[in-house]
Amino acid sequence: MKHILFATLTAVTALSGAAYANPGNGHNNGKGWGVGQVPPGHQKKMRQFYAPGDRLPDGYVIIRDYDRFGLRAPEEGYRYVRYDDEVYQVMRDTATVARAIGIVSDLLAN
């Protein structure tokens, strides 16, 4: 009985090392090969959020129909703009963010 037990333990120990050494057959062990080991095309772009005092880059859209977004008319010297699906109140002359209003889809749902 001891011989069978010893033979079984020896076989299990010898075979487990071979299974552990398997290189993965070129599948990279489930890891990607891009940035952060994520396959190309699967990486999500990080969105930039702007806080009060930040200047918005070019490419924003001026909002003129405040009622559609449930907004009241901005104070003198300010305007509402849409940039990257966010609504901001910015200074008219410098495009500096005065206030982050919210996400466009949330504002249009009301």
Protein backbone atom coordinates (compact mmCIF):
# COMPACT_ATOMS: atom_id res chain seq x y z
CA MET A 1 0.00 0.00 0.00
CA LYS A 2 2.83 2.38 0.84
CA HIS A 3 4.43 1.64 -2.54
CA ILE A 4 1.25 2.60 -4.42
CA LEU A 5 0.84 5.79 -2.38
CA PHE A 6 4.48 6.72 -2.92
CA ALA A 7 4.23 6.01 -6.68
CA THR A 8 1.06 8.11 -6.95
CA LEU A 9 2.57 11.07 -5.09
CA THR A 10 5.73 10.87 -7.18
CA ALA A 11 3.74 10.82 -10.44
CA VAL A 12 1.54 13.75 -9.37
CA THR A 13 4.56 15.79 -8.34
CA ALA A 14 6.45 15.03 -11.56
CA LEU A 15 3.49 15.79 -13.85
CA SER A 16 2.42 18.99 -12.10
CA GLY A 17 5.76 20.62 -12.91
CA ALA A 18 5.33 19.85 -16.60
CA ALA A 19 1.81 21.31 -16.63
CA TYR A 20 2.98 24.45 -14.84
CA ALA A 21 5.75 24.99 -17.41
CA ASN A 22 3.28 25.12 -20.33
CA PRO A 23 4.04 28.34 -22.25
CA GLY A 24 0.40 28.94 -23.29
CA ASN A 25 0.68 28.07 -26.99
CA GLY A 26 1.14 31.67 -28.10
CA HIS A 27 -1.99 32.95 -26.35
CA ASN A 28 0.04 35.17 -24.01
CA ASN A 29 -1.67 33.61 -21.00
CA GLY A 30 -4.75 35.77 -21.47
CA LYS A 31 -2.83 39.03 -21.31
CA GLY A 32 -2.95 41.64 -24.02
CA TRP A 33 0.01 43.00 -25.88
CA GLY A 34 -0.70 46.73 -25.96
CA VAL A 35 -0.47 49.42 -23.31
CA GLY A 36 -1.33 47.89 -19.95
CA GLN A 37 -1.40 44.49 -21.62
CA VAL A 38 -4.68 45.31 -23.39
CA PRO A 39 -5.12 44.32 -27.05
CA PRO A 40 -5.05 47.17 -29.57
CA GLY A 41 -8.49 48.68 -30.14
CA HIS A 42 -9.74 47.65 -26.70
CA GLN A 43 -8.23 50.55 -24.83
CA LYS A 44 -10.64 53.23 -23.71
CA LYS A 45 -9.69 56.83 -24.13
CA MET A 46 -9.57 58.77 -20.91
CA ARG A 47 -11.96 61.69 -20.94
CA GLN A 48 -10.74 65.07 -19.84
CA PHE A 49 -12.98 66.84 -17.35
CA TYR A 50 -12.64 70.56 -16.90
CA ALA A 51 -12.99 72.30 -13.54
CA PRO A 52 -13.64 75.95 -12.76
CA GLY A 53 -10.61 77.98 -13.79
CA ASP A 54 -9.60 75.62 -16.62
CA ARG A 55 -9.67 76.93 -20.17
CA LEU A 56 -11.59 74.89 -22.72
CA PRO A 57 -9.74 74.04 -25.94
CA ASP A 58 -11.14 75.03 -29.33
CA GLY A 59 -13.95 72.89 -30.69
CA TYR A 60 -16.72 73.68 -28.22
CA VAL A 61 -20.26 74.44 -29.40
CA ILE A 62 -22.09 77.49 -28.08
CA ILE A 63 -25.53 76.70 -26.65
CA ARG A 64 -28.11 79.30 -27.63
CA ASP A 65 -31.36 77.42 -26.82
CA TYR A 66 -31.21 77.36 -23.03
CA ASP A 67 -34.74 75.98 -22.60
CA ARG A 68 -33.83 72.77 -24.41
CA PHE A 69 -31.25 72.01 -21.71
CA GLY A 70 -33.34 73.37 -18.85
CA LEU A 71 -30.95 76.29 -18.31
CA ARG A 72 -31.73 79.91 -17.50
CA ALA A 73 -30.06 82.72 -19.41
CA PRO A 74 -26.41 83.15 -18.37
CA GLU A 75 -25.20 86.22 -16.52
CA GLU A 76 -23.58 89.07 -18.43
CA GLY A 77 -20.16 88.07 -19.76
CA TYR A 78 -20.85 84.31 -19.62
CA ARG A 79 -22.24 81.73 -22.04
CA TYR A 80 -23.09 78.04 -22.04
CA VAL A 81 -21.06 75.71 -24.21
CA ARG A 82 -21.05 72.03 -25.01
CA TYR A 83 -17.74 70.22 -25.15
CA ASP A 84 -17.22 66.44 -25.20
CA ASP A 85 -20.86 65.80 -24.17
CA GLU A 86 -20.54 68.06 -21.13
CA VAL A 87 -22.21 71.43 -20.62
CA TYR A 88 -20.14 74.22 -19.09
CA GLN A 89 -20.76 77.83 -18.20
CA VAL A 90 -17.71 79.72 -19.44
CA MET A 91 -16.51 83.31 -19.59
CA ARG A 92 -17.45 84.73 -22.96
CA ASP A 93 -14.05 86.26 -23.76
CA THR A 94 -11.61 83.61 -22.54
CA ALA A 95 -13.56 80.30 -22.57
CA THR A 96 -12.48 79.79 -18.97
CA VAL A 97 -14.82 77.42 -17.13
CA ALA A 98 -16.88 79.15 -14.47
CA ARG A 99 -19.11 76.18 -13.69
CA ALA A 100 -19.57 72.59 -14.87
CA ILE A 101 -23.31 72.14 -15.46
CA GLY A 102 -23.62 68.45 -16.31
CA ILE A 103 -23.75 65.71 -18.90
CA VAL A 104 -25.75 66.49 -22.06
CA SER A 105 -27.83 63.29 -21.97
CA ASP A 106 -28.87 63.95 -18.36
CA LEU A 107 -29.91 67.50 -19.15
CA LEU A 108 -31.91 66.49 -22.23
CA ALA A 109 -33.75 63.75 -20.32
CA ASN A 110 -35.63 66.30 -18.20
